[in-house]
């Protein structure tokens, strides 16, 4: 399998070039046109991405999320939900990289086989980076009115968070 994976991308490139030659497409010019469109897209979405990364870093580095949820600790203990999982549950819809950093921190502090590690793993798989996706894709085509996309995506994330709590408690508590 390892040998196959080393050759798949070069074979795909050769296939695309061969297909382009067969269809009599100006391959290099088409490639340059696509690269130019890609750079224009990056230029348009860059401010949105920078703003989102800046906001996430402020939230994570200030530890305001952990401090703000201390009052929920007795309720979470009854429901067998570790407090460490809440920052990840809040950040996950915003940033996949930030939620992976929180997941890594949970793994380092508590271990991947801990209750928090298992919940964080399931939560990572049950939810999506909704706000990031809307920022990236809607921003790239200049859609400003998201209508139901944001509320539906966040509702799906909420259901994923609840499902991760229930599933892990059902199988591992």
C-alpha atoms as a PDB file:
ATOM      1  CA  UNK A   1       0.000   0.000   0.000  1.00  0.00           C
ATOM      2  CA  UNK A   2       2.873   2.372   0.796  1.00  0.00           C
ATOM      3  CA  UNK A   3       4.335   1.994  -2.709  1.00  0.00           C
ATOM      4  CA  UNK A   4       0.932   2.611  -4.277  1.00  0.00           C
ATOM      5  CA  UNK A   5       0.420   5.812  -2.257  1.00  0.00           C
ATOM      6  CA  UNK A   6       3.760   7.199  -3.491  1.00  0.00           C
ATOM      7  CA  UNK A   7       2.663   6.877  -7.114  1.00  0.00           C
ATOM      8  CA  UNK A   8      -0.997   7.898  -6.964  1.00  0.00           C
ATOM      9  CA  UNK A   9      -0.476  11.685  -7.227  1.00  0.00           C
ATOM     10  CA  UNK A  10       2.096  11.532 -10.066  1.00  0.00           C
ATOM     11  CA  UNK A  11      -0.179   9.073 -11.903  1.00  0.00           C
ATOM     12  CA  UNK A  12      -3.121  11.415 -11.443  1.00  0.00           C
ATOM     13  CA  UNK A  13      -1.092  14.341 -12.826  1.00  0.00           C
ATOM     14  CA  UNK A  14      -0.061  12.256 -15.844  1.00  0.00           C
ATOM     15  CA  UNK A  15      -3.715  11.258 -16.351  1.00  0.00           C
ATOM     16  CA  UNK A  16      -4.883  14.902 -16.235  1.00  0.00           C
ATOM     17  CA  UNK A  17      -2.178  15.968 -18.699  1.00  0.00           C
ATOM     18  CA  UNK A  18      -3.007  13.060 -21.018  1.00  0.00           C
ATOM     19  CA  UNK A  19      -6.727  13.815 -20.844  1.00  0.00           C
ATOM     20  CA  UNK A  20      -6.058  17.499 -21.554  1.00  0.00           C
ATOM     21  CA  UNK A  21      -3.928  16.615 -24.565  1.00  0.00           C
ATOM     22  CA  UNK A  22      -6.619  14.267 -25.876  1.00  0.00           C
ATOM     23  CA  UNK A  23      -9.261  17.024 -25.543  1.00  0.00           C
ATOM     24  CA  UNK A  24      -6.863  19.539 -27.165  1.00  0.00           C
ATOM     25  CA  UNK A  25      -6.849  21.864 -24.136  1.00  0.00           C
ATOM     26  CA  UNK A  26      -4.008  24.352 -23.653  1.00  0.00           C
ATOM     27  CA  UNK A  27      -2.868  22.700 -20.431  1.00  0.00           C
ATOM     28  CA  UNK A  28      -0.301  25.228 -19.217  1.00  0.00           C
ATOM     29  CA  UNK A  29      -2.506  28.245 -19.962  1.00  0.00           C
ATOM     30  CA  UNK A  30      -5.466  26.605 -18.247  1.00  0.00           C
ATOM     31  CA  UNK A  31      -3.275  25.785 -15.237  1.00  0.00           C
ATOM     32  CA  UNK A  32      -2.098  29.409 -14.989  1.00  0.00           C
ATOM     33  CA  UNK A  33      -5.682  30.661 -15.256  1.00  0.00           C
ATOM     34  CA  UNK A  34      -6.754  28.356 -12.426  1.00  0.00           C
ATOM     35  CA  UNK A  35      -3.788  29.395 -10.284  1.00  0.00           C
ATOM     36  CA  UNK A  36      -4.688  33.063 -10.858  1.00  0.00           C
ATOM     37  CA  UNK A  37      -8.310  32.429  -9.804  1.00  0.00           C
ATOM     38  CA  UNK A  38      -7.043  30.596  -6.726  1.00  0.00           C
ATOM     39  CA  UNK A  39      -4.885  33.538  -5.690  1.00  0.00           C
ATOM     40  CA  UNK A  40      -7.813  35.929  -6.188  1.00  0.00           C
ATOM     41  CA  UNK A  41      -9.977  33.686  -3.994  1.00  0.00           C
ATOM     42  CA  UNK A  42      -7.283  33.631  -1.282  1.00  0.00           C
ATOM     43  CA  UNK A  43      -7.074  37.425  -1.478  1.00  0.00           C
ATOM     44  CA  UNK A  44     -10.849  37.726  -0.952  1.00  0.00           C
ATOM     45  CA  UNK A  45     -11.120  35.297   1.986  1.00  0.00           C
ATOM     46  CA  UNK A  46      -7.884  36.284   3.758  1.00  0.00           C
ATOM     47  CA  UNK A  47      -9.397  39.102   5.909  1.00  0.00           C
ATOM     48  CA  UNK A  48     -12.179  36.803   7.147  1.00  0.00           C
ATOM     49  CA  UNK A  49      -9.712  34.059   8.059  1.00  0.00           C
ATOM     50  CA  UNK A  50      -7.372  36.481   9.859  1.00  0.00           C
ATOM     51  CA  UNK A  51     -10.272  37.921  11.880  1.00  0.00           C
ATOM     52  CA  UNK A  52     -11.455  34.439  12.861  1.00  0.00           C
ATOM     53  CA  UNK A  53      -7.964  33.244  13.860  1.00  0.00           C
ATOM     54  CA  UNK A  54      -7.433  36.423  15.894  1.00  0.00           C
ATOM     55  CA  UNK A  55     -10.733  35.968  17.776  1.00  0.00           C
ATOM     56  CA  UNK A  56     -10.070  32.281  18.504  1.00  0.00           C
ATOM     57  CA  UNK A  57      -6.592  33.039  19.838  1.00  0.00           C
ATOM     58  CA  UNK A  58      -7.985  35.701  22.143  1.00  0.00           C
ATOM     59  CA  UNK A  59     -10.572  33.248  23.502  1.00  0.00           C
ATOM     60  CA  UNK A  60      -8.094  30.416  24.016  1.00  0.00           C
ATOM     61  CA  UNK A  61      -5.219  32.419  25.477  1.00  0.00           C
ATOM     62  CA  UNK A  62      -7.386  34.384  27.910  1.00  0.00           C
ATOM     63  CA  UNK A  63      -8.775  31.133  29.471  1.00  0.00           C
ATOM     64  CA  UNK A  64     -12.084  32.946  29.809  1.00  0.00           C
ATOM     65  CA  UNK A  65     -14.001  29.849  28.696  1.00  0.00           C
ATOM     66  CA  UNK A  66     -12.590  27.655  31.482  1.00  0.00           C
ATOM     67  CA  UNK A  67     -13.168  30.361  34.092  1.00  0.00           C
ATOM     68  CA  UNK A  68     -16.678  31.074  32.850  1.00  0.00           C
ATOM     69  CA  UNK A  69     -17.796  27.461  33.176  1.00  0.00           C
ATOM     70  CA  UNK A  70     -16.573  26.793  36.723  1.00  0.00           C
ATOM     71  CA  UNK A  71     -20.127  27.325  38.024  1.00  0.00           C
ATOM     72  CA  UNK A  72     -21.329  24.384  35.898  1.00  0.00           C
ATOM     73  CA  UNK A  73     -18.910  21.929  37.506  1.00  0.00           C
ATOM     74  CA  UNK A  74     -21.451  20.403  39.983  1.00  0.00           C
ATOM     75  CA  UNK A  75     -24.036  19.857  37.232  1.00  0.00           C
ATOM     76  CA  UNK A  76     -21.447  18.410  34.862  1.00  0.00           C
ATOM     77  CA  UNK A  77     -20.201  16.028  37.564  1.00  0.00           C
ATOM     78  CA  UNK A  78     -23.732  14.655  37.985  1.00  0.00           C
ATOM     79  CA  UNK A  79     -24.008  14.168  34.202  1.00  0.00           C
ATOM     80  CA  UNK A  80     -20.502  12.584  34.102  1.00  0.00           C
ATOM     81  CA  UNK A  81     -19.177  15.243  31.684  1.00  0.00           C
ATOM     82  CA  UNK A  82     -15.643  16.493  32.335  1.00  0.00           C
ATOM     83  CA  UNK A  83     -15.253  20.275  32.514  1.00  0.00           C
ATOM     84  CA  UNK A  84     -12.221  20.040  30.200  1.00  0.00           C
ATOM     85  CA  UNK A  85     -14.490  19.158  27.263  1.00  0.00           C
ATOM     86  CA  UNK A  86     -16.537  22.396  27.268  1.00  0.00           C
ATOM     87  CA  UNK A  87     -13.861  24.661  25.742  1.00  0.00           C
ATOM     88  CA  UNK A  88     -13.497  22.194  22.888  1.00  0.00           C
ATOM     89  CA  UNK A  89     -17.272  21.989  22.439  1.00  0.00           C
ATOM     90  CA  UNK A  90     -17.450  25.785  22.133  1.00  0.00           C
ATOM     91  CA  UNK A  91     -14.405  26.241  19.900  1.00  0.00           C
ATOM     92  CA  UNK A  92     -15.075  23.311  17.544  1.00  0.00           C
ATOM     93  CA  UNK A  93     -17.706  25.132  15.409  1.00  0.00           C
ATOM     94  CA  UNK A  94     -15.290  28.049  15.019  1.00  0.00           C
ATOM     95  CA  UNK A  95     -11.909  26.453  14.359  1.00  0.00           C
ATOM     96  CA  UNK A  96     -10.816  22.908  13.651  1.00  0.00           C
ATOM     97  CA  UNK A  97      -7.173  23.673  14.394  1.00  0.00           C
ATOM     98  CA  UNK A  98      -7.988  25.248  17.751  1.00  0.00           C
ATOM     99  CA  UNK A  99     -10.209  22.308  18.688  1.00  0.00           C
ATOM    100  CA  UNK A 100      -7.406  19.913  17.703  1.00  0.00           C
ATOM    101  CA  UNK A 101      -5.059  21.873  19.981  1.00  0.00           C
ATOM    102  CA  UNK A 102      -7.555  21.487  22.836  1.00  0.00           C
ATOM    103  CA  UNK A 103      -7.935  17.769  21.988  1.00  0.00           C
ATOM    104  CA  UNK A 104      -4.154  17.374  22.095  1.00  0.00           C
ATOM    105  CA  UNK A 105      -4.041  19.180  25.438  1.00  0.00           C
ATOM    106  CA  UNK A 106      -6.703  16.834  26.837  1.00  0.00           C
ATOM    107  CA  UNK A 107      -4.719  13.835  25.571  1.00  0.00           C
ATOM    108  CA  UNK A 108      -1.496  15.127  27.147  1.00  0.00           C
ATOM    109  CA  UNK A 109      -3.059  16.013  30.514  1.00  0.00           C
ATOM    110  CA  UNK A 110      -5.625  13.230  30.944  1.00  0.00           C
ATOM    111  CA  UNK A 111      -4.792  10.611  28.303  1.00  0.00           C
ATOM    112  CA  UNK A 112      -6.722   9.442  25.246  1.00  0.00           C
ATOM    113  CA  UNK A 113      -8.430   6.640  27.196  1.00  0.00           C
ATOM    114  CA  UNK A 114      -9.806   8.957  29.875  1.00  0.00           C
ATOM    115  CA  UNK A 115     -13.457   9.947  29.850  1.00  0.00           C
ATOM    116  CA  UNK A 116     -12.517  13.442  28.647  1.00  0.00           C
ATOM    117  CA  UNK A 117     -10.230  11.984  25.971  1.00  0.00           C
ATOM    118  CA  UNK A 118     -12.937   9.706  24.659  1.00  0.00           C
ATOM    119  CA  UNK A 119     -15.579  12.433  24.702  1.00  0.00           C
ATOM    120  CA  UNK A 120     -13.219  14.838  22.961  1.00  0.00           C
ATOM    121  CA  UNK A 121     -12.453  12.248  20.278  1.00  0.00           C
ATOM    122  CA  UNK A 122     -16.116  11.515  19.603  1.00  0.00           C
ATOM    123  CA  UNK A 123     -16.951  15.220  19.703  1.00  0.00           C
ATOM    124  CA  UNK A 124     -14.230  15.876  17.114  1.00  0.00           C
ATOM    125  CA  UNK A 125     -15.901  13.360  14.802  1.00  0.00           C
ATOM    126  CA  UNK A 126     -19.527  14.341  15.507  1.00  0.00           C
ATOM    127  CA  UNK A 127     -19.205  18.058  14.859  1.00  0.00           C
ATOM    128  CA  UNK A 128     -17.947  20.350  12.130  1.00  0.00           C
ATOM    129  CA  UNK A 129     -16.269  23.738  11.909  1.00  0.00           C
ATOM    130  CA  UNK A 130     -19.494  25.448  10.908  1.00  0.00           C
ATOM    131  CA  UNK A 131     -18.468  29.076  11.318  1.00  0.00           C
ATOM    132  CA  UNK A 132     -15.134  28.441   9.599  1.00  0.00           C
ATOM    133  CA  UNK A 133     -16.868  26.718   6.682  1.00  0.00           C
ATOM    134  CA  UNK A 134     -19.390  29.546   6.320  1.00  0.00           C
ATOM    135  CA  UNK A 135     -16.626  32.150   6.532  1.00  0.00           C
ATOM    136  CA  UNK A 136     -14.482  30.381   3.973  1.00  0.00           C
ATOM    137  CA  UNK A 137     -17.037  29.283   1.409  1.00  0.00           C
ATOM    138  CA  UNK A 138     -19.579  32.062   1.712  1.00  0.00           C
ATOM    139  CA  UNK A 139     -16.792  34.648   1.947  1.00  0.00           C
ATOM    140  CA  UNK A 140     -15.090  33.344  -1.185  1.00  0.00           C
ATOM    141  CA  UNK A 141     -18.209  33.935  -3.282  1.00  0.00           C
ATOM    142  CA  UNK A 142     -19.292  37.069  -1.361  1.00  0.00           C
ATOM    143  CA  UNK A 143     -22.512  35.710   0.140  1.00  0.00           C
ATOM    144  CA  UNK A 144     -23.469  37.953   3.064  1.00  0.00           C
ATOM    145  CA  UNK A 145     -26.935  36.635   3.887  1.00  0.00           C
ATOM    146  CA  UNK A 146     -26.477  33.112   5.202  1.00  0.00           C
ATOM    147  CA  UNK A 147     -30.195  32.657   5.877  1.00  0.00           C
ATOM    148  CA  UNK A 148     -30.596  29.268   7.584  1.00  0.00           C
ATOM    149  CA  UNK A 149     -27.071  27.964   7.009  1.00  0.00           C
ATOM    150  CA  UNK A 150     -25.630  29.262  10.284  1.00  0.00           C
ATOM    151  CA  UNK A 151     -28.528  28.226  12.519  1.00  0.00           C
ATOM    152  CA  UNK A 152     -28.804  24.800  10.886  1.00  0.00           C
ATOM    153  CA  UNK A 153     -25.066  24.172  11.092  1.00  0.00           C
ATOM    154  CA  UNK A 154     -24.869  25.230  14.738  1.00  0.00           C
ATOM    155  CA  UNK A 155     -27.917  23.113  15.571  1.00  0.00           C
ATOM    156  CA  UNK A 156     -26.231  20.103  13.949  1.00  0.00           C
ATOM    157  CA  UNK A 157     -23.086  20.848  15.987  1.00  0.00           C
ATOM    158  CA  UNK A 158     -25.186  21.041  19.170  1.00  0.00           C
ATOM    159  CA  UNK A 159     -26.747  17.653  18.397  1.00  0.00           C
ATOM    160  CA  UNK A 160     -23.240  16.269  17.734  1.00  0.00           C
ATOM    161  CA  UNK A 161     -22.017  17.561  21.090  1.00  0.00           C
ATOM    162  CA  UNK A 162     -24.984  16.024  22.933  1.00  0.00           C
ATOM    163  CA  UNK A 163     -24.526  12.776  20.986  1.00  0.00           C
ATOM    164  CA  UNK A 164     -20.852  12.595  21.947  1.00  0.00           C
ATOM    165  CA  UNK A 165     -21.738  12.990  25.636  1.00  0.00           C
ATOM    166  CA  UNK A 166     -24.475  10.343  25.433  1.00  0.00           C
ATOM    167  CA  UNK A 167     -22.522   7.844  23.327  1.00  0.00           C
ATOM    168  CA  UNK A 168     -19.385   7.948  25.474  1.00  0.00           C
ATOM    169  CA  UNK A 169     -21.403   7.741  28.694  1.00  0.00           C
ATOM    170  CA  UNK A 170     -23.395   4.824  27.298  1.00  0.00           C
ATOM    171  CA  UNK A 171     -20.376   2.786  26.201  1.00  0.00           C
ATOM    172  CA  UNK A 172     -17.694   3.776  28.744  1.00  0.00           C
ATOM    173  CA  UNK A 173     -19.357   4.977  31.962  1.00  0.00           C
END
